[in-house]
Amino acid sequence: MKANIQVVEDEAIVSKDIQQSLKKLGYNVVGSAATGEKAIEIARELKPDLVLMDIMLKGEMSGIDAADIIKEELNIPIIFLTAYADENTLAKAKVTEPFGYIIKPFKEIDLKTSIEMALYKHAKQTEILKERDYLYSLVENKENNNEIFVKSNSRLVKINTKDILFIEALKDYVVINLSDTRYTVHSTMKDMLDKLPQKEFIRVHRSFIVRLDKIIAIETPNIVVEGNKKIIPIGGSYKEELYNRINLI
């Protein structure tokens, strides 16, 4: 699917050249503007996939000002076009967190490379934000929610927390162990414990979290977990809380 690109350039001849290059490279040009105000208006109406924005625009609003509004309001990636820029201008441009800079005059290959990298980076960032927001929503409702999602092979897999036997720390990762499978995710034990229903899980060792109802025996200094009857050590500093949490007669 062709990406829709908006061009913001106040030099008419330069703008036409850019639009021709974009069409030649296989992109759709969805509106051009010569001022920051017009750029914002078009972006709001057409919602392009990316905006090529000249930093130095004629009029009261600079390309940097327009880019800041478009980014905050519409979350559209911006690539700045510039023939020259002093350090002060570049410092202001950086604040808007653009997805790239293209120095004029430029070659078509440079234009294509910058656009493709920006589109890819923006798509990945959007995906990460969606995952983060979803996980945060689960954390906020964790006491009433028995499901978590983990990323496995570039997709999100739903896990019922009742199926988790135990979680083990492995350097910068944690391994979520179920009776029939396991998932390795980039996280910390603290973050995992925060995401799980607190009444159902307990940390018994700096490297282990177990589901309380999966414990079938305690053979000090170890715990035996059902399913694969995994032997898990009890850390000295976690022993007291464990005994307080189980129904000991």
C-alpha atoms as a PDB file:
ATOM      1  CA  MET A   1       0.000   0.000   0.000  1.00  0.00           C
ATOM      2  CA  LYS A   2       1.390   3.390  -1.024  1.00  0.00           C
ATOM      3  CA  ALA A   3       2.181   5.800   1.792  1.00  0.00           C
ATOM      4  CA  ASN A   4       0.441   9.186   1.741  1.00  0.00           C
ATOM      5  CA  ILE A   5       2.936  12.058   2.003  1.00  0.00           C
ATOM      6  CA  GLN A   6       2.190  15.725   2.634  1.00  0.00           C
ATOM      7  CA  VAL A   7       4.688  18.321   1.373  1.00  0.00           C
ATOM      8  CA  VAL A   8       5.200  21.644   3.157  1.00  0.00           C
ATOM      9  CA  GLU A   9       7.524  23.934   1.174  1.00  0.00           C
ATOM     10  CA  ASP A  10       7.188  27.651   0.474  1.00  0.00           C
ATOM     11  CA  GLU A  11       9.241  27.656  -2.747  1.00  0.00           C
ATOM     12  CA  ALA A  12       6.801  26.589  -5.481  1.00  0.00           C
ATOM     13  CA  ILE A  13       9.447  25.175  -7.836  1.00  0.00           C
ATOM     14  CA  VAL A  14      11.104  23.174  -5.053  1.00  0.00           C
ATOM     15  CA  SER A  15       7.720  21.903  -3.885  1.00  0.00           C
ATOM     16  CA  LYS A  16       6.848  20.643  -7.391  1.00  0.00           C
ATOM     17  CA  ASP A  17      10.229  18.923  -7.705  1.00  0.00           C
ATOM     18  CA  ILE A  18       9.701  17.136  -4.386  1.00  0.00           C
ATOM     19  CA  GLN A  19       6.196  16.060  -5.367  1.00  0.00           C
ATOM     20  CA  GLN A  20       7.434  14.686  -8.698  1.00  0.00           C
ATOM     21  CA  SER A  21      10.194  12.760  -6.914  1.00  0.00           C
ATOM     22  CA  LEU A  22       7.700  11.311  -4.444  1.00  0.00           C
ATOM     23  CA  LYS A  23       5.368  10.147  -7.234  1.00  0.00           C
ATOM     24  CA  LYS A  24       8.315   8.647  -9.108  1.00  0.00           C
ATOM     25  CA  LEU A  25       9.291   6.747  -5.953  1.00  0.00           C
ATOM     26  CA  GLY A  26       5.782   5.318  -5.655  1.00  0.00           C
ATOM     27  CA  TYR A  27       4.244   7.528  -2.956  1.00  0.00           C
ATOM     28  CA  ASN A  28       0.926   9.365  -2.966  1.00  0.00           C
ATOM     29  CA  VAL A  29       1.147  13.142  -2.520  1.00  0.00           C
ATOM     30  CA  VAL A  30      -1.891  14.160  -0.472  1.00  0.00           C
ATOM     31  CA  GLY A  31      -1.738  17.912  -0.385  1.00  0.00           C
ATOM     32  CA  SER A  32       0.958  20.556  -0.369  1.00  0.00           C
ATOM     33  CA  ALA A  33       1.226  23.719   1.674  1.00  0.00           C
ATOM     34  CA  ALA A  34       3.409  26.820   1.674  1.00  0.00           C
ATOM     35  CA  THR A  35       2.693  27.992   5.231  1.00  0.00           C
ATOM     36  CA  GLY A  36       2.613  26.407   8.651  1.00  0.00           C
ATOM     37  CA  GLU A  37      -1.031  27.317   9.173  1.00  0.00           C
ATOM     38  CA  LYS A  38      -2.069  25.655   5.889  1.00  0.00           C
ATOM     39  CA  ALA A  39       0.077  22.609   6.709  1.00  0.00           C
ATOM     40  CA  ILE A  40      -1.821  22.059   9.965  1.00  0.00           C
ATOM     41  CA  GLU A  41      -5.178  22.511   8.221  1.00  0.00           C
ATOM     42  CA  ILE A  42      -4.328  19.914   5.538  1.00  0.00           C
ATOM     43  CA  ALA A  43      -2.882  17.456   8.062  1.00  0.00           C
ATOM     44  CA  ARG A  44      -6.052  17.639  10.162  1.00  0.00           C
ATOM     45  CA  GLU A  45      -8.241  17.044   7.110  1.00  0.00           C
ATOM     46  CA  LEU A  46      -6.250  14.405   5.197  1.00  0.00           C
ATOM     47  CA  LYS A  47      -4.245  12.752   8.002  1.00  0.00           C
ATOM     48  CA  PRO A  48      -1.208  11.774   5.895  1.00  0.00           C
ATOM     49  CA  ASP A  49       1.162   8.966   6.867  1.00  0.00           C
ATOM     50  CA  LEU A  50       4.118  11.399   6.940  1.00  0.00           C
ATOM     51  CA  VAL A  51       4.851  15.098   6.487  1.00  0.00           C
ATOM     52  CA  LEU A  52       7.907  16.518   4.728  1.00  0.00           C
ATOM     53  CA  MET A  53       8.290  19.902   6.428  1.00  0.00           C
ATOM     54  CA  ASP A  54      10.570  22.751   5.405  1.00  0.00           C
ATOM     55  CA  ILE A  55      12.041  24.268   8.574  1.00  0.00           C
ATOM     56  CA  MET A  56      12.203  27.826   7.237  1.00  0.00           C
ATOM     57  CA  LEU A  57       8.727  28.874   6.059  1.00  0.00           C
ATOM     58  CA  LYS A  58       7.521  32.341   5.126  1.00  0.00           C
ATOM     59  CA  GLY A  59       4.903  33.819   7.415  1.00  0.00           C
ATOM     60  CA  GLU A  60       4.372  33.974  11.144  1.00  0.00           C
ATOM     61  CA  MET A  61       4.548  30.214  11.787  1.00  0.00           C
ATOM     62  CA  SER A  62       7.768  28.308  11.204  1.00  0.00           C
ATOM     63  CA  GLY A  63       7.974  24.702  10.084  1.00  0.00           C
ATOM     64  CA  ILE A  64       9.098  23.816  13.604  1.00  0.00           C
ATOM     65  CA  ASP A  65       5.984  25.369  15.148  1.00  0.00           C
ATOM     66  CA  ALA A  66       3.716  23.594  12.664  1.00  0.00           C
ATOM     67  CA  ALA A  67       5.505  20.278  13.188  1.00  0.00           C
ATOM     68  CA  ASP A  68       5.083  20.552  16.955  1.00  0.00           C
ATOM     69  CA  ILE A  69       1.311  20.991  16.633  1.00  0.00           C
ATOM     70  CA  ILE A  70       0.917  18.205  14.042  1.00  0.00           C
ATOM     71  CA  LYS A  71       2.951  15.787  16.133  1.00  0.00           C
ATOM     72  CA  GLU A  72       1.118  16.517  19.403  1.00  0.00           C
ATOM     73  CA  GLU A  73      -2.371  16.653  17.917  1.00  0.00           C
ATOM     74  CA  LEU A  74      -2.231  13.976  15.209  1.00  0.00           C
ATOM     75  CA  ASN A  75       0.821  11.813  16.002  1.00  0.00           C
ATOM     76  CA  ILE A  76       2.041  12.044  12.399  1.00  0.00           C
ATOM     77  CA  PRO A  77       5.796  11.549  11.804  1.00  0.00           C
ATOM     78  CA  ILE A  78       7.695  14.585  10.523  1.00  0.00           C
ATOM     79  CA  ILE A  79      10.842  14.782   8.400  1.00  0.00           C
ATOM     80  CA  PHE A  80      12.401  18.240   8.215  1.00  0.00           C
ATOM     81  CA  LEU A  81      13.699  19.675   4.955  1.00  0.00           C
ATOM     82  CA  THR A  82      16.424  22.295   5.218  1.00  0.00           C
ATOM     83  CA  ALA A  83      19.017  23.965   3.030  1.00  0.00           C
ATOM     84  CA  TYR A  84      20.776  25.381   6.050  1.00  0.00           C
ATOM     85  CA  ALA A  85      20.150  25.730   9.739  1.00  0.00           C
ATOM     86  CA  ASP A  86      22.111  27.335  12.540  1.00  0.00           C
ATOM     87  CA  GLU A  87      22.622  25.578  15.869  1.00  0.00           C
ATOM     88  CA  ASN A  88      19.813  27.518  17.552  1.00  0.00           C
ATOM     89  CA  THR A  89      17.314  26.469  14.870  1.00  0.00           C
ATOM     90  CA  LEU A  90      18.407  22.834  15.034  1.00  0.00           C
ATOM     91  CA  ALA A  91      18.098  22.896  18.819  1.00  0.00           C
ATOM     92  CA  LYS A  92      14.480  24.074  18.488  1.00  0.00           C
ATOM     93  CA  ALA A  93      13.792  21.458  15.816  1.00  0.00           C
ATOM     94  CA  LYS A  94      15.083  18.628  18.030  1.00  0.00           C
ATOM     95  CA  VAL A  95      12.446  19.389  20.668  1.00  0.00           C
ATOM     96  CA  THR A  96       9.703  18.314  18.222  1.00  0.00           C
ATOM     97  CA  GLU A  97      11.424  14.897  17.929  1.00  0.00           C
ATOM     98  CA  PRO A  98      11.393  14.650  14.118  1.00  0.00           C
ATOM     99  CA  PHE A  99      11.908  11.308  12.398  1.00  0.00           C
ATOM    100  CA  GLY A 100      14.713  12.670  10.246  1.00  0.00           C
ATOM    101  CA  TYR A 101      16.363  15.561   8.435  1.00  0.00           C
ATOM    102  CA  ILE A 102      16.926  15.887   4.685  1.00  0.00           C
ATOM    103  CA  ILE A 103      19.464  18.445   3.496  1.00  0.00           C
ATOM    104  CA  LYS A 104      18.564  20.278   0.262  1.00  0.00           C
ATOM    105  CA  PRO A 105      19.464  19.650  -2.480  1.00  0.00           C
ATOM    106  CA  PHE A 106      19.017  15.889  -2.027  1.00  0.00           C
ATOM    107  CA  LYS A 107      19.037  12.739  -4.125  1.00  0.00           C
ATOM    108  CA  GLU A 108      15.908  10.643  -4.613  1.00  0.00           C
ATOM    109  CA  ILE A 109      17.540   7.663  -2.891  1.00  0.00           C
ATOM    110  CA  ASP A 110      18.129   9.820   0.194  1.00  0.00           C
ATOM    111  CA  LEU A 111      14.490  10.892   0.149  1.00  0.00           C
ATOM    112  CA  LYS A 112      13.226   7.307  -0.133  1.00  0.00           C
ATOM    113  CA  THR A 113      15.590   6.010   2.552  1.00  0.00           C
ATOM    114  CA  SER A 114      14.595   8.726   5.023  1.00  0.00           C
ATOM    115  CA  ILE A 115      10.871   8.204   4.408  1.00  0.00           C
ATOM    116  CA  GLU A 116      10.996   4.407   4.680  1.00  0.00           C
ATOM    117  CA  MET A 117      13.033   4.533   7.899  1.00  0.00           C
ATOM    118  CA  ALA A 118      10.668   7.128   9.393  1.00  0.00           C
ATOM    119  CA  LEU A 119       7.547   5.127   8.498  1.00  0.00           C
ATOM    120  CA  TYR A 120       9.044   1.944   9.934  1.00  0.00           C
ATOM    121  CA  LYS A 121      10.193   3.632  13.139  1.00  0.00           C
ATOM    122  CA  HIS A 122       6.825   5.327  13.635  1.00  0.00           C
ATOM    123  CA  ALA A 123       4.946   2.045  13.089  1.00  0.00           C
ATOM    124  CA  LYS A 124       7.121   0.309  15.682  1.00  0.00           C
ATOM    125  CA  GLN A 125       6.691   3.129  18.181  1.00  0.00           C
ATOM    126  CA  THR A 126       2.917   3.062  17.690  1.00  0.00           C
ATOM    127  CA  GLU A 127       2.883  -0.706  18.223  1.00  0.00           C
ATOM    128  CA  ILE A 128       4.909  -0.402  21.425  1.00  0.00           C
ATOM    129  CA  LEU A 129       2.651   2.354  22.763  1.00  0.00           C
ATOM    130  CA  LYS A 130      -0.460   0.270  22.075  1.00  0.00           C
ATOM    131  CA  GLU A 131       1.060  -2.683  23.904  1.00  0.00           C
ATOM    132  CA  ARG A 132       2.132  -0.486  26.810  1.00  0.00           C
ATOM    133  CA  ASP A 133      -1.282   1.156  27.121  1.00  0.00           C
ATOM    134  CA  TYR A 134      -2.997  -2.219  27.041  1.00  0.00           C
ATOM    135  CA  LEU A 135      -0.689  -3.661  29.673  1.00  0.00           C
ATOM    136  CA  TYR A 136      -1.176  -0.573  31.851  1.00  0.00           C
ATOM    137  CA  SER A 137      -4.939  -1.048  31.593  1.00  0.00           C
ATOM    138  CA  LEU A 138      -4.487  -4.623  32.772  1.00  0.00           C
ATOM    139  CA  VAL A 139      -2.362  -3.489  35.705  1.00  0.00           C
ATOM    140  CA  GLU A 140      -4.961  -0.937  36.760  1.00  0.00           C
ATOM    141  CA  ASN A 141      -7.623  -3.657  36.804  1.00  0.00           C
ATOM    142  CA  LYS A 142      -5.454  -6.568  37.868  1.00  0.00           C
ATOM    143  CA  GLU A 143      -7.528  -7.516  40.926  1.00  0.00           C
ATOM    144  CA  ASN A 144     -10.551  -8.095  38.680  1.00  0.00           C
ATOM    145  CA  ASN A 145      -8.713  -9.384  35.648  1.00  0.00           C
ATOM    146  CA  ASN A 146      -7.324 -12.882  35.261  1.00  0.00           C
ATOM    147  CA  GLU A 147      -5.651 -12.270  31.913  1.00  0.00           C
ATOM    148  CA  ILE A 148      -2.310 -10.868  30.831  1.00  0.00           C
ATOM    149  CA  PHE A 149      -0.780 -10.564  27.388  1.00  0.00           C
ATOM    150  CA  VAL A 150       2.801 -11.503  26.549  1.00  0.00           C
ATOM    151  CA  LYS A 151       4.687 -10.839  23.333  1.00  0.00           C
ATOM    152  CA  SER A 152       5.681 -14.041  21.538  1.00  0.00           C
ATOM    153  CA  ASN A 153       7.031 -14.208  17.973  1.00  0.00           C
ATOM    154  CA  SER A 154       5.895 -10.633  17.171  1.00  0.00           C
ATOM    155  CA  ARG A 155       2.338 -11.203  18.380  1.00  0.00           C
ATOM    156  CA  LEU A 156       0.497 -10.775  21.667  1.00  0.00           C
ATOM    157  CA  VAL A 157      -0.614 -14.004  23.326  1.00  0.00           C
ATOM    158  CA  LYS A 158      -3.309 -13.995  26.010  1.00  0.00           C
ATOM    159  CA  ILE A 159      -2.540 -15.989  29.163  1.00  0.00           C
ATOM    160  CA  ASN A 160      -4.975 -16.756  31.941  1.00  0.00           C
ATOM    161  CA  THR A 161      -3.115 -16.122  35.192  1.00  0.00           C
ATOM    162  CA  LYS A 162      -4.778 -19.229  36.677  1.00  0.00           C
ATOM    163  CA  ASP A 163      -2.686 -21.334  34.285  1.00  0.00           C
ATOM    164  CA  ILE A 164       0.661 -19.932  35.481  1.00  0.00           C
ATOM    165  CA  LEU A 165       2.674 -22.287  37.677  1.00  0.00           C
ATOM    166  CA  PHE A 166       5.649 -20.065  38.429  1.00  0.00           C
ATOM    167  CA  ILE A 167       7.819 -17.289  36.996  1.00  0.00           C
ATOM    168  CA  GLU A 168      11.593 -17.434  36.956  1.00  0.00           C
ATOM    169  CA  ALA A 169      14.104 -14.593  36.530  1.00  0.00           C
ATOM    170  CA  LEU A 170      16.723 -14.997  33.810  1.00  0.00           C
ATOM    171  CA  LYS A 171      19.104 -12.007  33.600  1.00  0.00           C
ATOM    172  CA  ASP A 172      17.128  -9.209  31.855  1.00  0.00           C
ATOM    173  CA  TYR A 173      14.222 -11.530  31.104  1.00  0.00           C
ATOM    174  CA  VAL A 174      11.602 -13.526  32.973  1.00  0.00           C
ATOM    175  CA  VAL A 175      10.266 -16.954  32.006  1.00  0.00           C
ATOM    176  CA  ILE A 176       6.530 -17.495  32.543  1.00  0.00           C
ATOM    177  CA  ASN A 177       5.972 -21.223  33.093  1.00  0.00           C
ATOM    178  CA  LEU A 178       2.645 -22.891  32.351  1.00  0.00           C
ATOM    179  CA  SER A 179       1.940 -26.618  32.555  1.00  0.00           C
ATOM    180  CA  ASP A 180       2.317 -27.115  28.810  1.00  0.00           C
ATOM    181  CA  THR A 181       4.469 -24.211  27.608  1.00  0.00           C
ATOM    182  CA  ARG A 182       6.611 -21.252  28.665  1.00  0.00           C
ATOM    183  CA  TYR A 183       7.131 -17.701  27.486  1.00  0.00           C
ATOM    184  CA  THR A 184      10.281 -15.609  27.802  1.00  0.00           C
ATOM    185  CA  VAL A 185       9.651 -11.864  27.988  1.00  0.00           C
ATOM    186  CA  HIS A 186      11.789  -8.785  28.567  1.00  0.00           C
ATOM    187  CA  SER A 187      10.743  -7.654  32.038  1.00  0.00           C
ATOM    188  CA  THR A 188      11.731  -7.596  35.698  1.00  0.00           C
ATOM    189  CA  MET A 189      10.369  -9.625  38.598  1.00  0.00           C
ATOM    190  CA  LYS A 190       9.007  -6.462  40.198  1.00  0.00           C
ATOM    191  CA  ASP A 191       7.129  -5.465  37.052  1.00  0.00           C
ATOM    192  CA  MET A 192       5.728  -8.972  36.702  1.00  0.00           C
ATOM    193  CA  LEU A 193       4.523  -9.023  40.305  1.00  0.00           C
ATOM    194  CA  ASP A 194       2.887  -5.630  39.761  1.00  0.00           C
ATOM    195  CA  LYS A 195       0.990  -6.976  36.743  1.00  0.00           C
ATOM    196  CA  LEU A 196      -0.319 -10.111  38.484  1.00  0.00           C
ATOM    197  CA  PRO A 197      -3.243 -10.424  40.931  1.00  0.00           C
ATOM    198  CA  GLN A 198      -1.463  -9.880  44.265  1.00  0.00           C
ATOM    199  CA  LYS A 199      -3.750 -12.208  46.216  1.00  0.00           C
ATOM    200  CA  GLU A 200      -2.859 -15.153  43.995  1.00  0.00           C
ATOM    201  CA  PHE A 201       0.917 -14.824  43.568  1.00  0.00           C
ATOM    202  CA  ILE A 202       3.860 -14.501  45.932  1.00  0.00           C
ATOM    203  CA  ARG A 203       7.571 -13.984  45.503  1.00  0.00           C
ATOM    204  CA  VAL A 204       9.398 -16.779  47.340  1.00  0.00           C
ATOM    205  CA  HIS A 205      12.928 -16.091  46.120  1.00  0.00           C
ATOM    206  CA  ARG A 206      14.683 -13.260  44.321  1.00  0.00           C
ATOM    207  CA  SER A 207      14.468 -15.414  41.179  1.00  0.00           C
ATOM    208  CA  PHE A 208      11.024 -16.998  41.619  1.00  0.00           C
ATOM    209  CA  ILE A 209       7.363 -15.997  41.831  1.00  0.00           C
ATOM    210  CA  VAL A 210       4.800 -18.789  42.364  1.00  0.00           C
ATOM    211  CA  ARG A 211       1.053 -19.041  42.193  1.00  0.00           C
ATOM    212  CA  LEU A 212      -0.110 -19.952  45.706  1.00  0.00           C
ATOM    213  CA  ASP A 213      -2.679 -22.554  44.673  1.00  0.00           C
ATOM    214  CA  LYS A 214      -0.063 -24.378  42.562  1.00  0.00           C
ATOM    215  CA  ILE A 215       2.055 -25.225  45.625  1.00  0.00           C
ATOM    216  CA  ILE A 216       1.545 -28.904  46.481  1.00  0.00           C
ATOM    217  CA  ALA A 217       4.210 -29.233  49.181  1.00  0.00           C
ATOM    218  CA  ILE A 218       6.809 -27.320  51.158  1.00  0.00           C
ATOM    219  CA  GLU A 219       9.929 -29.292  51.863  1.00  0.00           C
ATOM    220  CA  THR A 220      12.099 -26.706  53.575  1.00  0.00           C
ATOM    221  CA  PRO A 221      14.059 -25.039  52.116  1.00  0.00           C
ATOM    222  CA  ASN A 222      12.128 -25.770  48.906  1.00  0.00           C
ATOM    223  CA  ILE A 223       8.635 -25.583  47.407  1.00  0.00           C
ATOM    224  CA  VAL A 224       7.163 -28.247  45.149  1.00  0.00           C
ATOM    225  CA  VAL A 225       4.902 -26.886  42.409  1.00  0.00           C
ATOM    226  CA  GLU A 226       2.232 -28.996  40.723  1.00  0.00           C
ATOM    227  CA  GLY A 227       2.318 -29.948  37.058  1.00  0.00           C
ATOM    228  CA  ASN A 228       5.968 -30.700  36.448  1.00  0.00           C
ATOM    229  CA  LYS A 229       6.631 -30.872  40.206  1.00  0.00           C
ATOM    230  CA  LYS A 230       9.291 -28.219  39.880  1.00  0.00           C
ATOM    231  CA  ILE A 231      11.456 -27.750  42.982  1.00  0.00           C
ATOM    232  CA  ILE A 232      11.783 -24.054  43.821  1.00  0.00           C
ATOM    233  CA  PRO A 233      14.030 -22.680  46.592  1.00  0.00           C
ATOM    234  CA  ILE A 234      12.659 -20.437  49.333  1.00  0.00           C
ATOM    235  CA  GLY A 235      14.739 -17.331  49.919  1.00  0.00           C
ATOM    236  CA  GLY A 236      15.443 -16.514  53.553  1.00  0.00           C
ATOM    237  CA  SER A 237      13.908 -13.046  53.392  1.00  0.00           C
ATOM    238  CA  TYR A 238      10.713 -14.373  51.767  1.00  0.00           C
ATOM    239  CA  LYS A 239      10.043 -17.301  54.127  1.00  0.00           C
ATOM    240  CA  GLU A 240       8.026 -15.397  56.736  1.00  0.00           C
ATOM    241  CA  GLU A 241       5.601 -13.875  54.216  1.00  0.00           C
ATOM    242  CA  LEU A 242       5.110 -17.263  52.550  1.00  0.00           C
ATOM    243  CA  TYR A 243       4.097 -18.925  55.822  1.00  0.00           C
ATOM    244  CA  ASN A 244       1.795 -16.023  56.604  1.00  0.00           C
ATOM    245  CA  ARG A 245       0.058 -16.416  53.232  1.00  0.00           C
ATOM    246  CA  ILE A 246      -0.618 -20.165  53.302  1.00  0.00           C
ATOM    247  CA  ASN A 247      -3.322 -21.815  55.426  1.00  0.00           C
ATOM    248  CA  LEU A 248      -1.055 -23.441  57.969  1.00  0.00           C
ATOM    249  CA  ILE A 249      -2.769 -25.599  60.609  1.00  0.00           C
END
